[in-house]
Amino acid sequence: MEENRRNIKERSQQVYPMLKHPISNVKWVPLEKVVANDYNPNSVPKRELKLLYISILHDGYTQPVVTVYNKEQDQYVIVDGFHRYLIPKMFPDIYGSTGGKLPVVVIEKDINDRMASTVRHNRARGKHSVEGMSNLVFNMLDNGWTDEEVCNQLGMEAEEIVRLKYVTGFAKLFENAEYSKAWKTKRQLKIEREYNEN
């Protein structure tokens, strides 16, 4: 039976080479069967962890947790995605939304390859550039979101928004205006003006 399954898998991968990628075989496994590794050097500050919660709450799980399967213990050991695993443990609404299960993919690696894979996953994510974030925030504001909405949805502090407004030159639009943390875009001012006229 196992040999037939392996033959089918090999033939399928010859016809559809993308099936060799772990993402082609996402499994929903009970959260209790997933365990952390003991070597991950990555840590996420509390604010970013809250943002991950908001992301999963609004968008659902969009990336599975990368694991290796420990057959003897019947456990999935995390290679990448510890914080995605942590969220349903901390937030009952997320746990309930998945029926207590976690999306995982399984890779087959020895311990050194797993450690290297963990670091590659962590480092490959990169960081947001200040200029890129500034332009993104400017566009969100210009499209009608308030400072508060941007802060809530991106996990930012009000002071960060003010700094990003200066970086983009957004503040130039208001150089003759009295300072305010709640500067508004042209679009926000137009909406407010139309509202006040009615």
N, C-alpha and C. Protein backbone atom coordinates (compact mmCIF):
# COMPACT_ATOMS: atom_id res chain seq x y z
N MET A 1 0.83 -1.20 0.00
CA MET A 1 0.00 0.00 0.00
C MET A 1 0.87 1.26 0.00
N GLU A 2 1.87 1.29 0.91
CA GLU A 2 2.77 2.44 1.02
C GLU A 2 3.58 2.61 -0.27
N GLU A 3 3.99 1.47 -0.85
CA GLU A 3 4.77 1.54 -2.09
C GLU A 3 3.91 2.08 -3.24
N ASN A 4 2.64 1.67 -3.30
CA ASN A 4 1.73 2.20 -4.33
C ASN A 4 1.56 3.71 -4.17
N ARG A 5 1.41 4.15 -2.93
CA ARG A 5 1.25 5.58 -2.67
C ARG A 5 2.49 6.37 -3.13
N ARG A 6 3.66 5.79 -2.84
CA ARG A 6 4.91 6.44 -3.24
C ARG A 6 5.03 6.50 -4.77
N ASN A 7 4.65 5.42 -5.46
CA ASN A 7 4.70 5.40 -6.93
C ASN A 7 3.75 6.44 -7.53
N ILE A 8 2.56 6.54 -6.96
CA ILE A 8 1.58 7.52 -7.45
C ILE A 8 2.14 8.93 -7.26
N LYS A 9 2.73 9.16 -6.10
CA LYS A 9 3.30 10.47 -5.80
C LYS A 9 4.41 10.82 -6.79
N GLU A 10 5.30 9.86 -7.06
CA GLU A 10 6.41 10.10 -7.98
C GLU A 10 5.91 10.37 -9.40
N ARG A 11 4.92 9.60 -9.85
CA ARG A 11 4.38 9.82 -11.19
C ARG A 11 3.67 11.17 -11.29
N SER A 12 2.95 11.52 -10.26
CA SER A 12 2.26 12.82 -10.23
C SER A 12 3.27 13.96 -10.31
N GLN A 13 4.38 13.82 -9.60
CA GLN A 13 5.39 14.87 -9.59
C GLN A 13 6.11 14.99 -10.93
N GLN A 14 6.15 13.89 -11.68
CA GLN A 14 6.75 13.96 -13.01
C GLN A 14 5.85 14.77 -13.95
N VAL A 15 4.54 14.57 -13.81
CA VAL A 15 3.59 15.29 -14.66
C VAL A 15 3.42 16.74 -14.18
N TYR A 16 3.36 16.92 -12.88
CA TYR A 16 3.17 18.24 -12.27
C TYR A 16 4.34 18.51 -11.31
N PRO A 17 5.46 19.06 -11.84
CA PRO A 17 6.65 19.23 -11.02
C PRO A 17 6.43 20.12 -9.79
N MET A 18 5.44 21.01 -9.84
CA MET A 18 5.19 21.88 -8.68
C MET A 18 4.73 21.10 -7.46
N LEU A 19 4.29 19.86 -7.65
CA LEU A 19 3.83 19.04 -6.53
C LEU A 19 4.99 18.63 -5.62
N LYS A 20 6.24 18.83 -6.07
CA LYS A 20 7.40 18.53 -5.23
C LYS A 20 7.52 19.53 -4.09
N HIS A 21 6.89 20.69 -4.25
CA HIS A 21 6.99 21.74 -3.24
C HIS A 21 6.06 21.43 -2.07
N PRO A 22 6.54 21.61 -0.85
CA PRO A 22 5.72 21.32 0.34
C PRO A 22 4.38 22.04 0.35
N ILE A 23 4.31 23.24 -0.22
CA ILE A 23 3.07 24.02 -0.20
C ILE A 23 1.93 23.30 -0.91
N SER A 24 2.27 22.32 -1.75
CA SER A 24 1.23 21.55 -2.45
C SER A 24 0.55 20.55 -1.54
N ASN A 25 1.05 20.42 -0.31
CA ASN A 25 0.47 19.44 0.59
C ASN A 25 0.28 20.03 1.99
N VAL A 26 -0.55 21.07 2.08
CA VAL A 26 -0.85 21.67 3.39
C VAL A 26 -1.79 20.74 4.14
N LYS A 27 -1.49 20.50 5.42
CA LYS A 27 -2.33 19.66 6.27
C LYS A 27 -2.84 20.50 7.43
N TRP A 28 -4.06 20.26 7.84
CA TRP A 28 -4.58 20.85 9.06
C TRP A 28 -4.44 19.81 10.16
N VAL A 29 -3.57 20.08 11.13
CA VAL A 29 -3.31 19.10 12.19
C VAL A 29 -3.72 19.70 13.54
N PRO A 30 -4.08 18.85 14.50
CA PRO A 30 -4.43 19.37 15.83
C PRO A 30 -3.26 20.16 16.42
N LEU A 31 -3.58 21.32 16.96
CA LEU A 31 -2.56 22.19 17.55
C LEU A 31 -1.72 21.46 18.58
N GLU A 32 -2.33 20.54 19.30
CA GLU A 32 -1.64 19.79 20.35
C GLU A 32 -0.52 18.89 19.81
N LYS A 33 -0.58 18.59 18.50
CA LYS A 33 0.45 17.73 17.91
C LYS A 33 1.64 18.53 17.37
N VAL A 34 1.56 19.87 17.47
CA VAL A 34 2.62 20.72 16.97
C VAL A 34 3.45 21.20 18.16
N VAL A 35 4.78 21.12 18.03
CA VAL A 35 5.67 21.54 19.12
C VAL A 35 6.77 22.46 18.58
N ALA A 36 7.25 23.33 19.45
CA ALA A 36 8.33 24.25 19.07
C ALA A 36 9.65 23.50 18.99
N ASN A 37 10.57 24.02 18.18
CA ASN A 37 11.93 23.49 18.20
C ASN A 37 12.67 24.15 19.36
N ASP A 38 13.86 23.70 19.64
CA ASP A 38 14.61 24.25 20.78
C ASP A 38 15.81 25.09 20.36
N TYR A 39 15.76 25.63 19.11
CA TYR A 39 16.94 26.35 18.62
C TYR A 39 16.63 27.66 17.91
N ASN A 40 15.38 28.03 17.73
CA ASN A 40 15.05 29.21 16.93
C ASN A 40 15.56 30.49 17.59
N PRO A 41 16.42 31.25 16.89
CA PRO A 41 16.96 32.48 17.47
C PRO A 41 16.04 33.69 17.29
N ASN A 42 14.93 33.51 16.59
CA ASN A 42 14.04 34.63 16.28
C ASN A 42 13.12 34.95 17.45
N SER A 43 12.87 36.22 17.66
CA SER A 43 11.86 36.62 18.64
C SER A 43 11.06 37.76 18.04
N VAL A 44 9.82 37.87 18.45
CA VAL A 44 8.93 38.90 17.93
C VAL A 44 8.48 39.77 19.09
N PRO A 45 8.68 41.09 18.98
CA PRO A 45 8.20 41.98 20.05
C PRO A 45 6.68 41.87 20.21
N LYS A 46 6.22 42.23 21.40
CA LYS A 46 4.79 42.11 21.74
C LYS A 46 3.89 42.81 20.73
N ARG A 47 4.32 44.00 20.27
CA ARG A 47 3.50 44.76 19.33
C ARG A 47 3.35 44.02 18.00
N GLU A 48 4.44 43.43 17.50
CA GLU A 48 4.37 42.68 16.24
C GLU A 48 3.55 41.41 16.39
N LEU A 49 3.61 40.80 17.57
CA LEU A 49 2.80 39.62 17.83
C LEU A 49 1.32 39.98 17.77
N LYS A 50 0.97 41.13 18.32
CA LYS A 50 -0.41 41.61 18.26
C LYS A 50 -0.82 41.87 16.81
N LEU A 51 0.12 42.40 16.02
CA LEU A 51 -0.17 42.64 14.61
C LEU A 51 -0.38 41.32 13.87
N LEU A 52 0.38 40.30 14.22
CA LEU A 52 0.18 38.98 13.62
C LEU A 52 -1.21 38.46 13.96
N TYR A 53 -1.63 38.66 15.19
CA TYR A 53 -3.00 38.28 15.59
C TYR A 53 -4.02 39.00 14.71
N ILE A 54 -3.85 40.31 14.55
CA ILE A 54 -4.79 41.10 13.73
C ILE A 54 -4.79 40.59 12.30
N SER A 55 -3.59 40.27 11.79
CA SER A 55 -3.48 39.75 10.43
C SER A 55 -4.25 38.45 10.26
N ILE A 56 -4.07 37.52 11.19
CA ILE A 56 -4.78 36.24 11.10
C ILE A 56 -6.28 36.43 11.32
N LEU A 57 -6.64 37.35 12.21
CA LEU A 57 -8.05 37.64 12.46
C LEU A 57 -8.73 38.17 11.20
N HIS A 58 -8.07 39.09 10.49
CA HIS A 58 -8.68 39.72 9.31
C HIS A 58 -8.49 38.91 8.03
N ASP A 59 -7.32 38.30 7.87
CA ASP A 59 -7.01 37.63 6.60
C ASP A 59 -7.03 36.12 6.68
N GLY A 60 -7.10 35.58 7.89
CA GLY A 60 -7.01 34.14 8.06
C GLY A 60 -5.55 33.69 7.93
N TYR A 61 -5.33 32.39 8.03
CA TYR A 61 -3.98 31.86 7.83
C TYR A 61 -3.66 31.89 6.34
N THR A 62 -2.65 32.63 5.96
CA THR A 62 -2.25 32.71 4.56
C THR A 62 -0.94 31.97 4.31
N GLN A 63 -0.27 31.57 5.39
CA GLN A 63 0.97 30.81 5.28
C GLN A 63 0.93 29.67 6.29
N PRO A 64 1.26 28.47 5.84
CA PRO A 64 1.31 27.36 6.80
C PRO A 64 2.58 27.42 7.65
N VAL A 65 2.58 26.69 8.72
CA VAL A 65 3.76 26.54 9.57
C VAL A 65 4.61 25.42 8.95
N VAL A 66 5.90 25.68 8.83
CA VAL A 66 6.81 24.68 8.25
C VAL A 66 7.28 23.76 9.37
N THR A 67 7.16 22.45 9.16
CA THR A 67 7.49 21.47 10.21
C THR A 67 8.27 20.29 9.65
N VAL A 68 8.80 19.50 10.57
CA VAL A 68 9.27 18.14 10.25
C VAL A 68 8.43 17.22 11.12
N TYR A 69 8.15 16.04 10.60
CA TYR A 69 7.30 15.11 11.34
C TYR A 69 8.17 14.13 12.13
N ASN A 70 7.91 14.06 13.43
CA ASN A 70 8.59 13.11 14.30
C ASN A 70 7.65 11.91 14.46
N LYS A 71 7.92 10.85 13.71
CA LYS A 71 7.04 9.69 13.67
C LYS A 71 6.95 8.99 15.03
N GLU A 72 8.07 8.88 15.73
CA GLU A 72 8.07 8.18 17.02
C GLU A 72 7.15 8.86 18.03
N GLN A 73 7.15 10.17 18.04
CA GLN A 73 6.34 10.92 19.00
C GLN A 73 5.01 11.39 18.42
N ASP A 74 4.81 11.16 17.13
CA ASP A 74 3.61 11.62 16.43
C ASP A 74 3.41 13.12 16.66
N GLN A 75 4.51 13.88 16.38
CA GLN A 75 4.48 15.33 16.57
C GLN A 75 5.07 16.02 15.35
N TYR A 76 4.61 17.25 15.13
CA TYR A 76 5.13 18.09 14.07
C TYR A 76 6.01 19.15 14.74
N VAL A 77 7.32 19.09 14.47
CA VAL A 77 8.28 20.01 15.10
C VAL A 77 8.46 21.22 14.18
N ILE A 78 8.29 22.40 14.73
CA ILE A 78 8.32 23.63 13.93
C ILE A 78 9.73 23.95 13.43
N VAL A 79 9.82 24.24 12.14
CA VAL A 79 11.04 24.74 11.52
C VAL A 79 10.89 26.26 11.35
N ASP A 80 9.73 26.68 10.87
CA ASP A 80 9.43 28.11 10.71
C ASP A 80 7.95 28.32 10.96
N GLY A 81 7.63 29.40 11.67
CA GLY A 81 6.23 29.73 11.91
C GLY A 81 5.82 29.61 13.36
N PHE A 82 6.79 29.66 14.27
CA PHE A 82 6.49 29.51 15.69
C PHE A 82 5.43 30.51 16.14
N HIS A 83 5.52 31.74 15.68
CA HIS A 83 4.58 32.76 16.14
C HIS A 83 3.19 32.56 15.54
N ARG A 84 3.12 32.00 14.32
CA ARG A 84 1.81 31.65 13.75
C ARG A 84 1.18 30.52 14.57
N TYR A 85 2.02 29.66 15.13
CA TYR A 85 1.57 28.57 16.01
C TYR A 85 1.14 29.11 17.37
N LEU A 86 1.83 30.14 17.84
CA LEU A 86 1.56 30.70 19.16
C LEU A 86 0.22 31.43 19.22
N ILE A 87 -0.18 32.07 18.12
CA ILE A 87 -1.40 32.89 18.12
C ILE A 87 -2.64 32.11 18.56
N PRO A 88 -2.95 30.92 18.01
CA PRO A 88 -4.16 30.23 18.48
C PRO A 88 -4.03 29.73 19.92
N LYS A 89 -2.81 29.58 20.41
CA LYS A 89 -2.62 29.20 21.81
C LYS A 89 -2.94 30.37 22.74
N MET A 90 -2.73 31.60 22.24
CA MET A 90 -2.95 32.79 23.05
C MET A 90 -4.35 33.38 22.89
N PHE A 91 -4.96 33.18 21.72
CA PHE A 91 -6.23 33.84 21.41
C PHE A 91 -7.31 32.80 21.09
N PRO A 92 -8.25 32.62 21.99
CA PRO A 92 -9.31 31.61 21.79
C PRO A 92 -10.13 31.81 20.52
N ASP A 93 -10.30 33.08 20.07
CA ASP A 93 -11.10 33.30 18.86
C ASP A 93 -10.41 32.71 17.64
N ILE A 94 -9.08 32.79 17.59
CA ILE A 94 -8.34 32.18 16.47
C ILE A 94 -8.38 30.66 16.58
N TYR A 95 -8.18 30.15 17.79
CA TYR A 95 -8.24 28.70 18.02
C TYR A 95 -9.60 28.16 17.55
N GLY A 96 -10.66 28.85 17.94
CA GLY A 96 -12.01 28.42 17.55
C GLY A 96 -12.25 28.51 16.05
N SER A 97 -11.64 29.52 15.41
CA SER A 97 -11.89 29.72 13.98
C SER A 97 -11.29 28.61 13.12
N THR A 98 -10.33 27.85 13.68
CA THR A 98 -9.71 26.76 12.92
C THR A 98 -10.09 25.39 13.48
N GLY A 99 -10.99 25.39 14.44
CA GLY A 99 -11.37 24.12 15.06
C GLY A 99 -10.21 23.49 15.82
N GLY A 100 -9.31 24.35 16.34
CA GLY A 100 -8.18 23.85 17.11
C GLY A 100 -7.10 23.21 16.27
N LYS A 101 -7.09 23.53 14.97
CA LYS A 101 -6.07 22.95 14.08
C LYS A 101 -5.18 24.04 13.52
N LEU A 102 -4.03 23.61 13.02
CA LEU A 102 -3.03 24.53 12.49
C LEU A 102 -2.62 24.05 11.10
N PRO A 103 -2.51 24.97 10.12
CA PRO A 103 -2.05 24.54 8.79
C PRO A 103 -0.54 24.34 8.80
N VAL A 104 -0.10 23.18 8.39
CA VAL A 104 1.34 22.89 8.36
C VAL A 104 1.72 22.27 7.02
N VAL A 105 2.99 22.45 6.68
CA VAL A 105 3.61 21.67 5.61
C VAL A 105 4.76 20.92 6.25
N VAL A 106 5.09 19.80 5.67
CA VAL A 106 6.14 18.95 6.24
C VAL A 106 7.31 18.89 5.27
N ILE A 107 8.52 19.12 5.80
CA ILE A 107 9.74 18.93 5.02
C ILE A 107 10.54 17.83 5.70
N GLU A 108 11.41 17.21 4.94
CA GLU A 108 12.25 16.15 5.50
C GLU A 108 13.69 16.65 5.51
N LYS A 109 14.18 16.98 6.71
CA LYS A 109 15.53 17.53 6.86
C LYS A 109 16.16 16.98 8.12
N ASP A 110 17.49 16.85 8.11
CA ASP A 110 18.17 16.50 9.36
C ASP A 110 18.29 17.77 10.21
N ILE A 111 18.79 17.65 11.42
CA ILE A 111 18.77 18.75 12.38
C ILE A 111 19.54 19.97 11.89
N ASN A 112 20.73 19.80 11.31
CA ASN A 112 21.49 20.95 10.83
C ASN A 112 20.78 21.66 9.67
N ASP A 113 20.21 20.87 8.76
CA ASP A 113 19.46 21.47 7.65
C ASP A 113 18.22 22.20 8.17
N ARG A 114 17.61 21.65 9.23
CA ARG A 114 16.44 22.33 9.82
C ARG A 114 16.84 23.67 10.42
N MET A 115 17.96 23.68 11.14
CA MET A 115 18.43 24.94 11.75
C MET A 115 18.75 25.97 10.67
N ALA A 116 19.42 25.51 9.61
CA ALA A 116 19.74 26.42 8.51
C ALA A 116 18.46 26.93 7.85
N SER A 117 17.49 26.05 7.69
CA SER A 117 16.22 26.43 7.09
C SER A 117 15.50 27.48 7.93
N THR A 118 15.54 27.31 9.26
CA THR A 118 14.91 28.27 10.16
C THR A 118 15.52 29.65 9.96
N VAL A 119 16.82 29.72 9.93
CA VAL A 119 17.50 31.01 9.77
C VAL A 119 17.19 31.60 8.39
N ARG A 120 17.22 30.77 7.35
CA ARG A 120 16.89 31.27 6.00
C ARG A 120 15.50 31.87 5.96
N HIS A 121 14.53 31.16 6.54
CA HIS A 121 13.16 31.68 6.56
C HIS A 121 13.11 33.02 7.30
N ASN A 122 13.76 33.10 8.45
CA ASN A 122 13.74 34.34 9.23
C ASN A 122 14.37 35.50 8.47
N ARG A 123 15.53 35.25 7.88
CA ARG A 123 16.27 36.34 7.23
C ARG A 123 15.69 36.71 5.87
N ALA A 124 15.07 35.76 5.19
CA ALA A 124 14.53 36.04 3.86
C ALA A 124 13.33 36.98 3.90
N ARG A 125 12.72 37.14 5.06
CA ARG A 125 11.56 38.03 5.15
C ARG A 125 11.94 39.48 4.94
N GLY A 126 13.18 39.82 5.26
CA GLY A 126 13.64 41.19 5.06
C GLY A 126 12.96 42.16 6.01
N LYS A 127 13.18 43.42 5.76
CA LYS A 127 12.60 44.48 6.58
C LYS A 127 11.96 45.50 5.65
N HIS A 128 10.99 46.22 6.17
CA HIS A 128 10.36 47.27 5.39
C HIS A 128 11.26 48.50 5.38
N SER A 129 11.48 49.07 4.21
CA SER A 129 12.27 50.30 4.14
C SER A 129 11.42 51.46 4.64
N VAL A 130 12.09 52.47 5.17
CA VAL A 130 11.37 53.64 5.67
C VAL A 130 10.63 54.32 4.52
N GLU A 131 11.30 54.44 3.39
CA GLU A 131 10.67 55.11 2.25
C GLU A 131 9.45 54.34 1.76
N GLY A 132 9.58 53.01 1.67
CA GLY A 132 8.45 52.19 1.23
C GLY A 132 7.28 52.27 2.19
N MET A 133 7.57 52.22 3.49
CA MET A 133 6.50 52.33 4.48
C MET A 133 5.87 53.71 4.45
N SER A 134 6.69 54.74 4.27
CA SER A 134 6.18 56.11 4.21
C SER A 134 5.20 56.27 3.06
N ASN A 135 5.59 55.76 1.89
CA ASN A 135 4.70 55.87 0.72
C ASN A 135 3.42 55.07 0.92
N LEU A 136 3.55 53.90 1.51
CA LEU A 136 2.38 53.08 1.77
C LEU A 136 1.41 53.80 2.71
N VAL A 137 1.94 54.35 3.81
CA VAL A 137 1.09 55.06 4.78
C VAL A 137 0.47 56.29 4.12
N PHE A 138 1.26 57.03 3.35
CA PHE A 138 0.73 58.22 2.66
C PHE A 138 -0.45 57.83 1.77
N ASN A 139 -0.30 56.75 1.01
CA ASN A 139 -1.39 56.33 0.11
C ASN A 139 -2.62 55.89 0.89
N MET A 140 -2.42 55.20 2.01
CA MET A 140 -3.57 54.78 2.82
C MET A 140 -4.32 56.00 3.35
N LEU A 141 -3.56 57.00 3.81
CA LEU A 141 -4.19 58.23 4.30
C LEU A 141 -4.89 58.96 3.17
N ASP A 142 -4.23 59.02 2.03
CA ASP A 142 -4.79 59.72 0.88
C ASP A 142 -6.04 59.02 0.36
N ASN A 143 -6.13 57.71 0.60
CA ASN A 143 -7.32 56.96 0.18
C ASN A 143 -8.45 57.03 1.19
N GLY A 144 -8.24 57.80 2.26
CA GLY A 144 -9.35 58.06 3.17
C GLY A 144 -9.25 57.48 4.56
N TRP A 145 -8.23 56.66 4.86
CA TRP A 145 -8.10 56.14 6.22
C TRP A 145 -7.61 57.23 7.14
N THR A 146 -8.02 57.17 8.39
CA THR A 146 -7.55 58.10 9.40
C THR A 146 -6.23 57.60 9.98
N ASP A 147 -5.55 58.50 10.69
CA ASP A 147 -4.31 58.09 11.38
C ASP A 147 -4.60 56.90 12.29
N GLU A 148 -5.72 56.96 13.00
CA GLU A 148 -6.07 55.89 13.94
C GLU A 148 -6.27 54.56 13.22
N GLU A 149 -6.95 54.59 12.08
CA GLU A 149 -7.16 53.35 11.32
C GLU A 149 -5.83 52.77 10.84
N VAL A 150 -4.93 53.64 10.36
CA VAL A 150 -3.62 53.16 9.91
C VAL A 150 -2.87 52.54 11.07
N CYS A 151 -2.88 53.24 12.22
CA CYS A 151 -2.18 52.72 13.41
C CYS A 151 -2.73 51.35 13.80
N ASN A 152 -4.05 51.22 13.87
CA ASN A 152 -4.68 49.97 14.29
C ASN A 152 -4.40 48.83 13.32
N GLN A 153 -4.49 49.11 12.03
CA GLN A 153 -4.35 48.05 11.04
C GLN A 153 -2.90 47.66 10.78
N LEU A 154 -1.95 48.58 11.03
CA LEU A 154 -0.54 48.29 10.77
C LEU A 154 0.26 48.09 12.05
N GLY A 155 -0.42 48.19 13.20
CA GLY A 155 0.27 48.00 14.47
C GLY A 155 1.30 49.07 14.74
N MET A 156 0.98 50.30 14.40
CA MET A 156 1.92 51.41 14.57
C MET A 156 1.46 52.35 15.68
N GLU A 157 2.41 53.15 16.18
CA GLU A 157 2.12 54.19 17.15
C GLU A 157 1.88 55.50 16.40
N ALA A 158 1.13 56.41 17.02
CA ALA A 158 0.84 57.71 16.39
C ALA A 158 2.12 58.46 16.02
N GLU A 159 3.13 58.38 16.88
CA GLU A 159 4.39 59.08 16.62
C GLU A 159 5.08 58.56 15.35
N GLU A 160 4.92 57.26 15.08
CA GLU A 160 5.51 56.68 13.87
C GLU A 160 4.85 57.28 12.63
N ILE A 161 3.54 57.46 12.69
CA ILE A 161 2.80 58.05 11.56
C ILE A 161 3.31 59.46 11.30
N VAL A 162 3.48 60.24 12.37
CA VAL A 162 3.97 61.62 12.22
C VAL A 162 5.34 61.61 11.56
N ARG A 163 6.24 60.73 12.02
CA ARG A 163 7.59 60.66 11.42
C ARG A 163 7.52 60.28 9.95
N LEU A 164 6.67 59.31 9.62
CA LEU A 164 6.55 58.88 8.22
C LEU A 164 5.97 59.99 7.34
N LYS A 165 5.08 60.80 7.91
CA LYS A 165 4.54 61.93 7.15
C LYS A 165 5.65 62.90 6.76
N TYR A 166 6.60 63.12 7.66
CA TYR A 166 7.71 64.01 7.36
C TYR A 166 8.62 63.40 6.29
N VAL A 167 8.86 62.09 6.37
CA VAL A 167 9.74 61.43 5.41
C VAL A 167 9.20 61.56 3.99
N THR A 168 7.89 61.43 3.81
CA THR A 168 7.29 61.47 2.48
C THR A 168 7.14 62.87 1.93
N GLY A 169 7.33 63.87 2.80
CA GLY A 169 7.05 65.23 2.35
C GLY A 169 5.60 65.57 2.56
N PHE A 170 4.87 64.61 3.14
CA PHE A 170 3.45 64.84 3.46
C PHE A 170 3.32 66.11 4.29
N ALA A 171 4.28 66.33 5.19
CA ALA A 171 4.23 67.50 6.07
C ALA A 171 4.36 68.79 5.27
N LYS A 172 5.03 68.74 4.09
CA LYS A 172 5.17 69.92 3.24
C LYS A 172 3.82 70.49 2.86
N LEU A 173 2.84 69.61 2.70
CA LEU A 173 1.50 70.06 2.34
C LEU A 173 0.91 70.98 3.40
N PHE A 174 1.47 70.90 4.60
CA PHE A 174 0.89 71.62 5.73
C PHE A 174 1.89 72.60 6.35
N GLU A 175 2.88 73.06 5.57
CA GLU A 175 3.92 73.89 6.15
C GLU A 175 3.40 75.21 6.70
N ASN A 176 2.28 75.70 6.20
CA ASN A 176 1.71 76.95 6.71
C ASN A 176 0.59 76.71 7.71
N ALA A 177 0.36 75.44 8.03
CA ALA A 177 -0.72 75.11 8.96
C ALA A 177 -0.16 74.91 10.35
N GLU A 178 -1.02 75.09 11.34
CA GLU A 178 -0.61 74.85 12.72
C GLU A 178 -0.36 73.36 12.90
N TYR A 179 0.69 73.01 13.70
CA TYR A 179 1.06 71.60 13.91
C TYR A 179 -0.09 70.82 14.53
N SER A 180 -0.28 69.61 14.04
CA SER A 180 -1.28 68.70 14.62
C SER A 180 -0.85 67.29 14.32
N LYS A 181 -1.06 66.36 15.28
CA LYS A 181 -0.76 64.95 15.04
C LYS A 181 -1.74 64.37 14.03
N ALA A 182 -2.90 65.00 13.91
CA ALA A 182 -3.96 64.45 13.07
C ALA A 182 -4.09 65.20 11.75
N TRP A 183 -2.97 65.48 11.07
CA TRP A 183 -3.04 66.08 9.76
C TRP A 183 -3.89 65.21 8.86
N LYS A 184 -4.58 65.84 7.93
CA LYS A 184 -5.47 65.11 7.05
C LYS A 184 -5.03 65.27 5.61
N THR A 185 -5.33 64.26 4.80
CA THR A 185 -5.01 64.32 3.39
C THR A 185 -6.02 65.20 2.68
N LYS A 186 -5.71 65.54 1.42
CA LYS A 186 -6.65 66.34 0.63
C LYS A 186 -8.00 65.63 0.55
N ARG A 187 -7.96 64.33 0.37
CA ARG A 187 -9.20 63.56 0.26
C ARG A 187 -10.00 63.61 1.57
N GLN A 188 -9.30 63.46 2.71
CA GLN A 188 -9.99 63.53 3.99
C GLN A 188 -10.61 64.91 4.20
N LEU A 189 -9.88 65.98 3.83
CA LEU A 189 -10.41 67.34 3.97
C LEU A 189 -11.63 67.54 3.09
N LYS A 190 -11.58 66.99 1.87
CA LYS A 190 -12.71 67.12 0.94
C LYS A 190 -13.95 66.42 1.50
N ILE A 191 -13.77 65.20 2.02
CA ILE A 191 -14.89 64.45 2.59
C ILE A 191 -15.47 65.22 3.78
N GLU A 192 -14.57 65.73 4.61
CA GLU A 192 -15.02 66.49 5.79
C GLU A 192 -15.78 67.75 5.36
N ARG A 193 -15.27 68.46 4.33
CA ARG A 193 -15.92 69.67 3.84
C ARG A 193 -17.31 69.33 3.30
N GLU A 194 -17.39 68.26 2.49
CA GLU A 194 -18.69 67.86 1.93
C GLU A 194 -19.67 67.47 3.02
N TYR A 195 -19.17 66.79 4.05
CA TYR A 195 -20.02 66.39 5.17
C TYR A 195 -20.56 67.63 5.90
N ASN A 196 -19.69 68.61 6.13
CA ASN A 196 -20.10 69.81 6.86
C ASN A 196 -21.06 70.66 6.06
N GLU A 197 -20.97 70.59 4.71
CA GLU A 197 -21.88 71.38 3.86
C GLU A 197 -23.29 70.81 3.85
N ASN A 198 -23.44 69.52 4.15
CA ASN A 198 -24.77 68.89 4.13
C ASN A 198 -25.46 68.97 5.44
